[in-house]
């Protein structure tokens, strides 16, 4: 099933760990938003790791299930974070 996973993590170190972890499961579409095609086992793994990484007093992770019909109807205006970063990295090489 398709999911939107988003997080708000206060500390840089925890935020980086969460981001790196989520890259194993999906595509970054905004700084703290990932589109992921996950199994139930994957969702459980993300929930478990998030509980280990975040401070629930200051941080949050939200996991939204999206039906296939809804995913197909998503509207994107502009480019995604991933594409912007790739373009920037290529420009930096020139």
Foldseek 3Di string as FASTA:
>chain_A
DKKKKFKDADDPVLLVVLVVVCVVFADAFESGIGIGDDDVVVVVVNVVVCVVRGDVVGMDMDMGDDDPVRVVVDDDDDGGPVVVVVVVVVVVVD
